[in-house]
PDB file of N, CA and C in Angstrom:
ATOM      1  N   MET A   1      28.888 -19.796 -38.153  1.00  0.00           N
ATOM      2  CA  MET A   1      29.134 -21.215 -38.270  1.00  0.00           C
ATOM      3  C   MET A   1      28.696 -21.953 -37.015  1.00  0.00           C
ATOM      4  N   ILE A   2      29.117 -21.458 -35.850  1.00  0.00           N
ATOM      5  CA  ILE A   2      28.764 -22.142 -34.607  1.00  0.00           C
ATOM      6  C   ILE A   2      27.265 -22.060 -34.344  1.00  0.00           C
ATOM      7  N   LEU A   3      26.624 -20.963 -34.756  1.00  0.00           N
ATOM      8  CA  LEU A   3      25.182 -20.850 -34.565  1.00  0.00           C
ATOM      9  C   LEU A   3      24.434 -21.853 -35.432  1.00  0.00           C
ATOM     10  N   ASP A   4      24.951 -22.128 -36.618  1.00  0.00           N
ATOM     11  CA  ASP A   4      24.318 -23.126 -37.477  1.00  0.00           C
ATOM     12  C   ASP A   4      24.396 -24.518 -36.863  1.00  0.00           C
ATOM     13  N   VAL A   5      25.532 -24.839 -36.273  1.00  0.00           N
ATOM     14  CA  VAL A   5      25.708 -26.148 -35.627  1.00  0.00           C
ATOM     15  C   VAL A   5      24.794 -26.259 -34.409  1.00  0.00           C
ATOM     16  N   LEU A   6      24.734 -25.202 -33.595  1.00  0.00           N
ATOM     17  CA  LEU A   6      23.838 -25.216 -32.442  1.00  0.00           C
ATOM     18  C   LEU A   6      22.380 -25.342 -32.880  1.00  0.00           C
ATOM     19  N   GLY A   7      22.019 -24.658 -33.941  1.00  0.00           N
ATOM     20  CA  GLY A   7      20.660 -24.764 -34.459  1.00  0.00           C
ATOM     21  C   GLY A   7      20.316 -26.177 -34.886  1.00  0.00           C
ATOM     22  N   LEU A   8      21.260 -26.853 -35.524  1.00  0.00           N
ATOM     23  CA  LEU A   8      21.029 -28.239 -35.920  1.00  0.00           C
ATOM     24  C   LEU A   8      20.891 -29.164 -34.717  1.00  0.00           C
ATOM     25  N   VAL A   9      21.707 -28.941 -33.704  1.00  0.00           N
ATOM     26  CA  VAL A   9      21.629 -29.769 -32.496  1.00  0.00           C
ATOM     27  C   VAL A   9      20.289 -29.577 -31.797  1.00  0.00           C
ATOM     28  N   PHE A  10      19.868 -28.332 -31.640  1.00  0.00           N
ATOM     29  CA  PHE A  10      18.580 -28.061 -30.998  1.00  0.00           C
ATOM     30  C   PHE A  10      17.415 -28.583 -31.837  1.00  0.00           C
ATOM     31  N   SER A  11      17.522 -28.471 -33.150  1.00  0.00           N
ATOM     32  CA  SER A  11      16.474 -29.012 -34.022  1.00  0.00           C
ATOM     33  C   SER A  11      16.365 -30.521 -33.883  1.00  0.00           C
ATOM     34  N   ALA A  12      17.495 -31.197 -33.847  1.00  0.00           N
ATOM     35  CA  ALA A  12      17.491 -32.648 -33.695  1.00  0.00           C
ATOM     36  C   ALA A  12      16.884 -33.054 -32.357  1.00  0.00           C
ATOM     37  N   LEU A  13      17.215 -32.323 -31.296  1.00  0.00           N
ATOM     38  CA  LEU A  13      16.642 -32.609 -29.979  1.00  0.00           C
ATOM     39  C   LEU A  13      15.133 -32.421 -29.986  1.00  0.00           C
ATOM     40  N   GLY A  14      14.675 -31.305 -30.520  1.00  0.00           N
ATOM     41  CA  GLY A  14      13.244 -31.029 -30.567  1.00  0.00           C
ATOM     42  C   GLY A  14      12.480 -32.022 -31.425  1.00  0.00           C
ATOM     43  N   LEU A  15      13.055 -32.389 -32.568  1.00  0.00           N
ATOM     44  CA  LEU A  15      12.377 -33.333 -33.449  1.00  0.00           C
ATOM     45  C   LEU A  15      12.360 -34.743 -32.865  1.00  0.00           C
ATOM     46  N   ALA A  16      13.402 -35.126 -32.149  1.00  0.00           N
ATOM     47  CA  ALA A  16      13.409 -36.440 -31.501  1.00  0.00           C
ATOM     48  C   ALA A  16      12.326 -36.517 -30.423  1.00  0.00           C
ATOM     49  N   CYS A  17      12.177 -35.460 -29.656  1.00  0.00           N
ATOM     50  CA  CYS A  17      11.127 -35.431 -28.633  1.00  0.00           C
ATOM     51  C   CYS A  17       9.733 -35.386 -29.273  1.00  0.00           C
ATOM     52  N   ALA A  18       9.596 -34.649 -30.351  1.00  0.00           N
ATOM     53  CA  ALA A  18       8.317 -34.606 -31.059  1.00  0.00           C
ATOM     54  C   ALA A  18       7.968 -35.971 -31.640  1.00  0.00           C
ATOM     55  N   ALA A  19       8.966 -36.695 -32.110  1.00  0.00           N
ATOM     56  CA  ALA A  19       8.727 -38.033 -32.650  1.00  0.00           C
ATOM     57  C   ALA A  19       8.245 -38.977 -31.555  1.00  0.00           C
ATOM     58  N   MET A  20       8.775 -38.845 -30.347  1.00  0.00           N
ATOM     59  CA  MET A  20       8.318 -39.688 -29.245  1.00  0.00           C
ATOM     60  C   MET A  20       6.857 -39.423 -28.911  1.00  0.00           C
ATOM     61  N   VAL A  21       6.478 -38.157 -28.897  1.00  0.00           N
ATOM     62  CA  VAL A  21       5.078 -37.806 -28.632  1.00  0.00           C
ATOM     63  C   VAL A  21       4.196 -38.289 -29.772  1.00  0.00           C
ATOM     64  N   LEU A  22       4.651 -38.138 -31.000  1.00  0.00           N
ATOM     65  CA  LEU A  22       3.872 -38.556 -32.163  1.00  0.00           C
ATOM     66  C   LEU A  22       3.656 -40.067 -32.186  1.00  0.00           C
ATOM     67  N   ILE A  23       4.697 -40.825 -31.870  1.00  0.00           N
ATOM     68  CA  ILE A  23       4.562 -42.282 -31.828  1.00  0.00           C
ATOM     69  C   ILE A  23       3.570 -42.691 -30.749  1.00  0.00           C
ATOM     70  N   HIS A  24       3.618 -42.033 -29.603  1.00  0.00           N
ATOM     71  CA  HIS A  24       2.664 -42.325 -28.530  1.00  0.00           C
ATOM     72  C   HIS A  24       1.243 -42.027 -28.983  1.00  0.00           C
ATOM     73  N   ALA A  25       1.057 -40.933 -29.702  1.00  0.00           N
ATOM     74  CA  ALA A  25      -0.280 -40.566 -30.172  1.00  0.00           C
ATOM     75  C   ALA A  25      -0.807 -41.578 -31.186  1.00  0.00           C
ATOM     76  N   PHE A  26       0.033 -42.045 -32.096  1.00  0.00           N
ATOM     77  CA  PHE A  26      -0.413 -43.044 -33.064  1.00  0.00           C
ATOM     78  C   PHE A  26      -0.693 -44.386 -32.400  1.00  0.00           C
ATOM     79  N   ARG A  27       0.026 -44.724 -31.343  1.00  0.00           N
ATOM     80  CA  ARG A  27      -0.270 -45.955 -30.620  1.00  0.00           C
ATOM     81  C   ARG A  27      -1.599 -45.873 -29.897  1.00  0.00           C
ATOM     82  N   ARG A  28      -1.957 -44.665 -29.491  1.00  0.00           N
ATOM     83  CA  ARG A  28      -3.241 -44.480 -28.819  1.00  0.00           C
ATOM     84  C   ARG A  28      -4.388 -44.674 -29.804  1.00  0.00           C
ATOM     85  N   SER A  29      -4.338 -43.985 -30.933  1.00  0.00           N
ATOM     86  CA  SER A  29      -5.291 -44.189 -32.029  1.00  0.00           C
ATOM     87  C   SER A  29      -4.777 -43.466 -33.268  1.00  0.00           C
ATOM     88  N   VAL A  30      -5.219 -43.925 -34.410  1.00  0.00           N
ATOM     89  CA  VAL A  30      -4.774 -43.326 -35.666  1.00  0.00           C
ATOM     90  C   VAL A  30      -5.302 -41.894 -35.785  1.00  0.00           C
ATOM     91  N   GLY A  31      -6.520 -41.665 -35.346  1.00  0.00           N
ATOM     92  CA  GLY A  31      -7.102 -40.322 -35.413  1.00  0.00           C
ATOM     93  C   GLY A  31      -6.331 -39.326 -34.558  1.00  0.00           C
ATOM     94  N   THR A  32      -5.978 -39.745 -33.358  1.00  0.00           N
ATOM     95  CA  THR A  32      -5.200 -38.873 -32.487  1.00  0.00           C
ATOM     96  C   THR A  32      -3.826 -38.595 -33.084  1.00  0.00           C
ATOM     97  N   GLY A  33      -3.227 -39.623 -33.668  1.00  0.00           N
ATOM     98  CA  GLY A  33      -1.923 -39.438 -34.298  1.00  0.00           C
ATOM     99  C   GLY A  33      -1.968 -38.442 -35.438  1.00  0.00           C
ATOM    100  N   PHE A  34      -3.013 -38.536 -36.270  1.00  0.00           N
ATOM    101  CA  PHE A  34      -3.135 -37.584 -37.377  1.00  0.00           C
ATOM    102  C   PHE A  34      -3.439 -36.181 -36.881  1.00  0.00           C
ATOM    103  N   MET A  35      -4.188 -36.063 -35.783  1.00  0.00           N
ATOM    104  CA  MET A  35      -4.433 -34.727 -35.237  1.00  0.00           C
ATOM    105  C   MET A  35      -3.144 -34.109 -34.716  1.00  0.00           C
ATOM    106  N   VAL A  36      -2.314 -34.906 -34.031  1.00  0.00           N
ATOM    107  CA  VAL A  36      -1.026 -34.401 -33.547  1.00  0.00           C
ATOM    108  C   VAL A  36      -0.134 -34.025 -34.719  1.00  0.00           C
ATOM    109  N   LEU A  37      -0.195 -34.816 -35.785  1.00  0.00           N
ATOM    110  CA  LEU A  37       0.654 -34.581 -36.947  1.00  0.00           C
ATOM    111  C   LEU A  37       0.212 -33.377 -37.771  1.00  0.00           C
ATOM    112  N   CYS A  38      -1.083 -33.174 -37.903  1.00  0.00           N
ATOM    113  CA  CYS A  38      -1.588 -32.198 -38.883  1.00  0.00           C
ATOM    114  C   CYS A  38      -2.101 -30.883 -38.302  1.00  0.00           C
ATOM    115  N   ILE A  39      -2.533 -30.874 -37.065  1.00  0.00           N
ATOM    116  CA  ILE A  39      -3.103 -29.649 -36.493  1.00  0.00           C
ATOM    117  C   ILE A  39      -2.008 -28.891 -35.747  1.00  0.00           C
ATOM    118  N   PRO A  40      -1.742 -27.658 -36.149  1.00  0.00           N
ATOM    119  CA  PRO A  40      -0.693 -26.883 -35.473  1.00  0.00           C
ATOM    120  C   PRO A  40      -1.001 -26.709 -33.985  1.00  0.00           C
ATOM    121  N   CYS A  41      -0.019 -26.836 -33.181  1.00  0.00           N
ATOM    122  CA  CYS A  41      -0.063 -26.665 -31.723  1.00  0.00           C
ATOM    123  C   CYS A  41      -0.844 -27.747 -30.983  1.00  0.00           C
ATOM    124  N   TYR A  42      -1.446 -28.706 -31.681  1.00  0.00           N
ATOM    125  CA  TYR A  42      -2.137 -29.784 -30.980  1.00  0.00           C
ATOM    126  C   TYR A  42      -1.136 -30.702 -30.293  1.00  0.00           C
ATOM    127  N   ILE A  43       0.070 -30.771 -30.813  1.00  0.00           N
ATOM    128  CA  ILE A  43       1.089 -31.604 -30.181  1.00  0.00           C
ATOM    129  C   ILE A  43       1.386 -31.102 -28.764  1.00  0.00           C
ATOM    130  N   LEU A  44       1.351 -29.806 -28.547  1.00  0.00           N
ATOM    131  CA  LEU A  44       1.566 -29.272 -27.202  1.00  0.00           C
ATOM    132  C   LEU A  44       0.414 -29.628 -26.281  1.00  0.00           C
ATOM    133  N   TYR A  45      -0.823 -29.504 -26.774  1.00  0.00           N
ATOM    134  CA  TYR A  45      -1.987 -29.890 -25.976  1.00  0.00           C
ATOM    135  C   TYR A  45      -1.919 -31.367 -25.623  1.00  0.00           C
ATOM    136  N   TYR A  46      -1.618 -32.187 -26.601  1.00  0.00           N
ATOM    137  CA  TYR A  46      -1.538 -33.626 -26.364  1.00  0.00           C
ATOM    138  C   TYR A  46      -0.409 -33.961 -25.399  1.00  0.00           C
ATOM    139  N   ALA A  47       0.733 -33.327 -25.563  1.00  0.00           N
ATOM    140  CA  ALA A  47       1.882 -33.614 -24.705  1.00  0.00           C
ATOM    141  C   ALA A  47       1.580 -33.290 -23.248  1.00  0.00           C
ATOM    142  N   PHE A  48       0.896 -32.200 -22.996  1.00  0.00           N
ATOM    143  CA  PHE A  48       0.597 -31.825 -21.616  1.00  0.00           C
ATOM    144  C   PHE A  48      -0.585 -32.587 -21.036  1.00  0.00           C
ATOM    145  N   SER A  49      -1.582 -32.929 -21.837  1.00  0.00           N
ATOM    146  CA  SER A  49      -2.802 -33.500 -21.278  1.00  0.00           C
ATOM    147  C   SER A  49      -2.878 -35.021 -21.347  1.00  0.00           C
ATOM    148  N   GLN A  50      -2.405 -35.656 -22.429  1.00  0.00           N
ATOM    149  CA  GLN A  50      -2.644 -37.081 -22.605  1.00  0.00           C
ATOM    150  C   GLN A  50      -1.382 -37.923 -22.722  1.00  0.00           C
ATOM    151  N   PHE A  51      -0.247 -37.320 -22.928  1.00  0.00           N
ATOM    152  CA  PHE A  51       1.003 -38.052 -23.091  1.00  0.00           C
ATOM    153  C   PHE A  51       1.409 -38.656 -21.752  1.00  0.00           C
ATOM    154  N   GLU A  52       1.675 -39.961 -21.745  1.00  0.00           N
ATOM    155  CA  GLU A  52       2.065 -40.652 -20.516  1.00  0.00           C
ATOM    156  C   GLU A  52       3.401 -41.339 -20.754  1.00  0.00           C
ATOM    157  N   HIS A  53       4.402 -40.921 -19.998  1.00  0.00           N
ATOM    158  CA  HIS A  53       5.733 -41.492 -20.126  1.00  0.00           C
ATOM    159  C   HIS A  53       6.459 -41.272 -18.802  1.00  0.00           C
ATOM    160  N   GLY A  54       7.392 -42.131 -18.501  1.00  0.00           N
ATOM    161  CA  GLY A  54       8.133 -41.991 -17.258  1.00  0.00           C
ATOM    162  C   GLY A  54       8.950 -40.711 -17.188  1.00  0.00           C
ATOM    163  N   ARG A  55       9.415 -40.245 -18.320  1.00  0.00           N
ATOM    164  CA  ARG A  55      10.214 -39.013 -18.377  1.00  0.00           C
ATOM    165  C   ARG A  55       9.469 -37.920 -19.157  1.00  0.00           C
ATOM    166  N   LYS A  56       8.184 -37.799 -18.858  1.00  0.00           N
ATOM    167  CA  LYS A  56       7.330 -36.846 -19.562  1.00  0.00           C
ATOM    168  C   LYS A  56       7.867 -35.420 -19.483  1.00  0.00           C
ATOM    169  N   SER A  57       8.300 -34.999 -18.314  1.00  0.00           N
ATOM    170  CA  SER A  57       8.743 -33.609 -18.160  1.00  0.00           C
ATOM    171  C   SER A  57      10.000 -33.327 -18.982  1.00  0.00           C
ATOM    172  N   LEU A  58      10.927 -34.274 -19.045  1.00  0.00           N
ATOM    173  CA  LEU A  58      12.131 -34.077 -19.854  1.00  0.00           C
ATOM    174  C   LEU A  58      11.804 -34.052 -21.351  1.00  0.00           C
ATOM    175  N   ILE A  59      10.882 -34.884 -21.768  1.00  0.00           N
ATOM    176  CA  ILE A  59      10.517 -34.936 -23.186  1.00  0.00           C
ATOM    177  C   ILE A  59       9.821 -33.649 -23.607  1.00  0.00           C
ATOM    178  N   ILE A  60       8.916 -33.159 -22.786  1.00  0.00           N
ATOM    179  CA  ILE A  60       8.226 -31.907 -23.113  1.00  0.00           C
ATOM    180  C   ILE A  60       9.210 -30.732 -23.092  1.00  0.00           C
ATOM    181  N   ALA A  61      10.121 -30.735 -22.122  1.00  0.00           N
ATOM    182  CA  ALA A  61      11.136 -29.674 -22.076  1.00  0.00           C
ATOM    183  C   ALA A  61      12.035 -29.730 -23.302  1.00  0.00           C
ATOM    184  N   GLY A  62      12.404 -30.928 -23.739  1.00  0.00           N
ATOM    185  CA  GLY A  62      13.211 -31.062 -24.951  1.00  0.00           C
ATOM    186  C   GLY A  62      12.455 -30.619 -26.188  1.00  0.00           C
ATOM    187  N   LEU A  63      11.179 -30.927 -26.251  1.00  0.00           N
ATOM    188  CA  LEU A  63      10.354 -30.527 -27.386  1.00  0.00           C
ATOM    189  C   LEU A  63      10.236 -29.012 -27.478  1.00  0.00           C
ATOM    190  N   VAL A  64       9.777 -28.404 -26.418  1.00  0.00           N
ATOM    191  CA  VAL A  64       9.550 -26.950 -26.430  1.00  0.00           C
ATOM    192  C   VAL A  64      10.872 -26.190 -26.465  1.00  0.00           C
ATOM    193  N   GLY A  65      11.782 -26.552 -25.585  1.00  0.00           N
ATOM    194  CA  GLY A  65      13.058 -25.843 -25.511  1.00  0.00           C
ATOM    195  C   GLY A  65      13.918 -26.041 -26.741  1.00  0.00           C
ATOM    196  N   GLY A  66      13.968 -27.266 -27.248  1.00  0.00           N
ATOM    197  CA  GLY A  66      14.787 -27.535 -28.427  1.00  0.00           C
ATOM    198  C   GLY A  66      14.324 -26.775 -29.647  1.00  0.00           C
ATOM    199  N   LEU A  67      13.023 -26.798 -29.900  1.00  0.00           N
ATOM    200  CA  LEU A  67      12.520 -26.107 -31.087  1.00  0.00           C
ATOM    201  C   LEU A  67      12.561 -24.588 -30.923  1.00  0.00           C
ATOM    202  N   THR A  68      12.364 -24.103 -29.702  1.00  0.00           N
ATOM    203  CA  THR A  68      12.461 -22.660 -29.468  1.00  0.00           C
ATOM    204  C   THR A  68      13.899 -22.170 -29.658  1.00  0.00           C
ATOM    205  N   LEU A  69      14.840 -22.893 -29.069  1.00  0.00           N
ATOM    206  CA  LEU A  69      16.243 -22.494 -29.211  1.00  0.00           C
ATOM    207  C   LEU A  69      16.742 -22.672 -30.647  1.00  0.00           C
ATOM    208  N   ALA A  70      16.212 -23.666 -31.357  1.00  0.00           N
ATOM    209  CA  ALA A  70      16.594 -23.837 -32.761  1.00  0.00           C
ATOM    210  C   ALA A  70      16.131 -22.635 -33.583  1.00  0.00           C
ATOM    211  N   GLY A  71      14.916 -22.182 -33.342  1.00  0.00           N
ATOM    212  CA  GLY A  71      14.426 -21.001 -34.045  1.00  0.00           C
ATOM    213  C   GLY A  71      15.195 -19.748 -33.692  1.00  0.00           C
ATOM    214  N   ALA A  72      15.559 -19.619 -32.422  1.00  0.00           N
ATOM    215  CA  ALA A  72      16.306 -18.438 -31.986  1.00  0.00           C
ATOM    216  C   ALA A  72      17.708 -18.414 -32.593  1.00  0.00           C
ATOM    217  N   THR A  73      18.382 -19.559 -32.607  1.00  0.00           N
ATOM    218  CA  THR A  73      19.728 -19.576 -33.196  1.00  0.00           C
ATOM    219  C   THR A  73      19.664 -19.359 -34.694  1.00  0.00           C
ATOM    220  N   ARG A  74      18.635 -19.858 -35.331  1.00  0.00           N
ATOM    221  CA  ARG A  74      18.483 -19.627 -36.772  1.00  0.00           C
ATOM    222  C   ARG A  74      18.257 -18.144 -37.063  1.00  0.00           C
ATOM    223  N   ALA A  75      17.446 -17.498 -36.237  1.00  0.00           N
ATOM    224  CA  ALA A  75      17.194 -16.067 -36.428  1.00  0.00           C
ATOM    225  C   ALA A  75      18.461 -15.259 -36.194  1.00  0.00           C
ATOM    226  N   MET A  76      19.224 -15.614 -35.175  1.00  0.00           N
ATOM    227  CA  MET A  76      20.470 -14.899 -34.906  1.00  0.00           C
ATOM    228  C   MET A  76      21.481 -15.114 -36.022  1.00  0.00           C
ATOM    229  N   SER A  77      21.540 -16.322 -36.562  1.00  0.00           N
ATOM    230  CA  SER A  77      22.467 -16.628 -37.638  1.00  0.00           C
ATOM    231  C   SER A  77      22.097 -15.853 -38.904  1.00  0.00           C
ATOM    232  N   THR A  78      20.808 -15.788 -39.206  1.00  0.00           N
ATOM    233  CA  THR A  78      20.349 -15.057 -40.386  1.00  0.00           C
ATOM    234  C   THR A  78      20.603 -13.560 -40.228  1.00  0.00           C
ATOM    235  N   GLU A  79      20.357 -13.031 -39.036  1.00  0.00           N
ATOM    236  CA  GLU A  79      20.586 -11.607 -38.787  1.00  0.00           C
ATOM    237  C   GLU A  79      22.059 -11.271 -38.943  1.00  0.00           C
ATOM    238  N   ARG A  80      22.902 -12.145 -38.470  1.00  0.00           N
ATOM    239  CA  ARG A  80      24.339 -11.891 -38.582  1.00  0.00           C
ATOM    240  C   ARG A  80      24.782 -11.876 -40.039  1.00  0.00           C
ATOM    241  N   ARG A  81      24.239 -12.790 -40.843  1.00  0.00           N
ATOM    242  CA  ARG A  81      24.589 -12.820 -42.266  1.00  0.00           C
ATOM    243  C   ARG A  81      24.104 -11.571 -42.987  1.00  0.00           C
ATOM    244  N   VAL A  82      22.935 -11.084 -42.629  1.00  0.00           N
ATOM    245  CA  VAL A  82      22.398  -9.880 -43.278  1.00  0.00           C
ATOM    246  C   VAL A  82      23.263  -8.676 -42.939  1.00  0.00           C
ATOM    247  N   LEU A  83      23.718  -8.593 -41.723  1.00  0.00           N
ATOM    248  CA  LEU A  83      24.545  -7.443 -41.328  1.00  0.00           C
ATOM    249  C   LEU A  83      25.924  -7.495 -41.965  1.00  0.00           C
ATOM    250  N   GLU A  84      26.410  -8.666 -42.357  1.00  0.00           N
ATOM    251  CA  GLU A  84      27.733  -8.784 -42.950  1.00  0.00           C
ATOM    252  C   GLU A  84      27.741  -8.620 -44.469  1.00  0.00           C
ATOM    253  N   LEU A  85      26.587  -8.496 -45.100  1.00  0.00           N
ATOM    254  CA  LEU A  85      26.553  -8.383 -46.550  1.00  0.00           C
ATOM    255  C   LEU A  85      27.172  -7.064 -47.008  1.00  0.00           C
ATOM    256  N   PRO A  86      27.992  -7.101 -48.030  1.00  0.00           N
ATOM    257  CA  PRO A  86      28.569  -5.853 -48.547  1.00  0.00           C
ATOM    258  C   PRO A  86      27.498  -5.019 -49.267  1.00  0.00           C
ATOM    259  N   VAL A  87      27.685  -3.742 -49.225  1.00  0.00           N
ATOM    260  CA  VAL A  87      26.744  -2.823 -49.856  1.00  0.00           C
ATOM    261  C   VAL A  87      27.193  -2.612 -51.304  1.00  0.00           C
ATOM    262  N   ALA A  88      26.269  -2.823 -52.250  1.00  0.00           N
ATOM    263  CA  ALA A  88      26.590  -2.626 -53.667  1.00  0.00           C
ATOM    264  C   ALA A  88      26.508  -1.139 -53.994  1.00  0.00           C
ATOM    265  N   ARG A  89      27.455  -0.666 -54.788  1.00  0.00           N
ATOM    266  CA  ARG A  89      27.444   0.768 -55.169  1.00  0.00           C
ATOM    267  C   ARG A  89      27.332   0.913 -56.651  1.00  0.00           C
TER     268      ARG A  89
END
């Protein structure tokens, strides 16, 4: 239960930071925005190379850390549920 809540919190943090980067990319140009939206891992390239914000380091840390920790808590939660399943006889 607690892992599910933590996963949701980390997901919300990561998605909020990703939305900030995405909005910046669309303000720069529509083509750049669609590349950030549609090409896997391009958001990381854009965030490190072209994203300009006063709190750039915190936003990138929230993006990478939030989504990484969300995936890790989800994996731990799923593993725990699998180990608790009763064995059918």
